Amino acid sequence: RRGWFGAWVWYLLVGAVCLAIGAILLKRRQARG
């Protein structure tokens, strides 16, 4: 089904965004240290 493939794409996009935000927050915290 197309919906199944679309769901996987959305999960991957959301996961990538969460990882990117987490990395940026960690860098900011370490920089301020």
Protein backbone atom coordinates (compact mmCIF):
# COMPACT_ATOMS: atom_id res chain seq x y z
CA ARG A 1 0.00 0.00 0.00
CA ARG A 2 1.05 3.57 -0.61
CA GLY A 3 -0.01 4.62 2.90
CA TRP A 4 2.42 2.13 4.48
CA PHE A 5 5.37 3.52 2.50
CA GLY A 6 4.28 7.09 3.28
CA ALA A 7 4.16 6.29 7.00
CA TRP A 8 7.77 5.00 6.89
CA VAL A 9 8.91 8.18 5.12
CA TRP A 10 7.22 10.34 7.78
CA TYR A 11 8.78 8.32 10.63
CA LEU A 12 12.24 8.72 9.05
CA LEU A 13 11.75 12.48 8.56
CA VAL A 14 10.51 12.99 12.14
CA GLY A 15 13.40 10.92 13.52
CA ALA A 16 15.97 12.88 11.50
CA VAL A 17 14.52 16.21 12.69
CA CYS A 18 14.54 15.06 16.33
CA LEU A 19 18.17 13.93 16.04
CA ALA A 20 19.18 17.23 14.41
CA ILE A 21 17.45 19.30 17.13
CA GLY A 22 19.01 17.15 19.87
CA ALA A 23 22.50 17.59 18.37
CA ILE A 24 22.05 21.39 18.11
CA LEU A 25 20.83 21.62 21.72
CA LEU A 26 23.80 19.55 22.95
CA LYS A 27 26.26 21.75 21.02
CA ARG A 28 24.67 24.90 22.48
CA ARG A 29 24.84 23.49 26.02
CA GLN A 30 28.49 22.47 25.61
CA ALA A 31 29.38 25.85 24.06
CA ARG A 32 27.79 27.76 26.98
CA GLY A 33 29.26 25.22 29.44
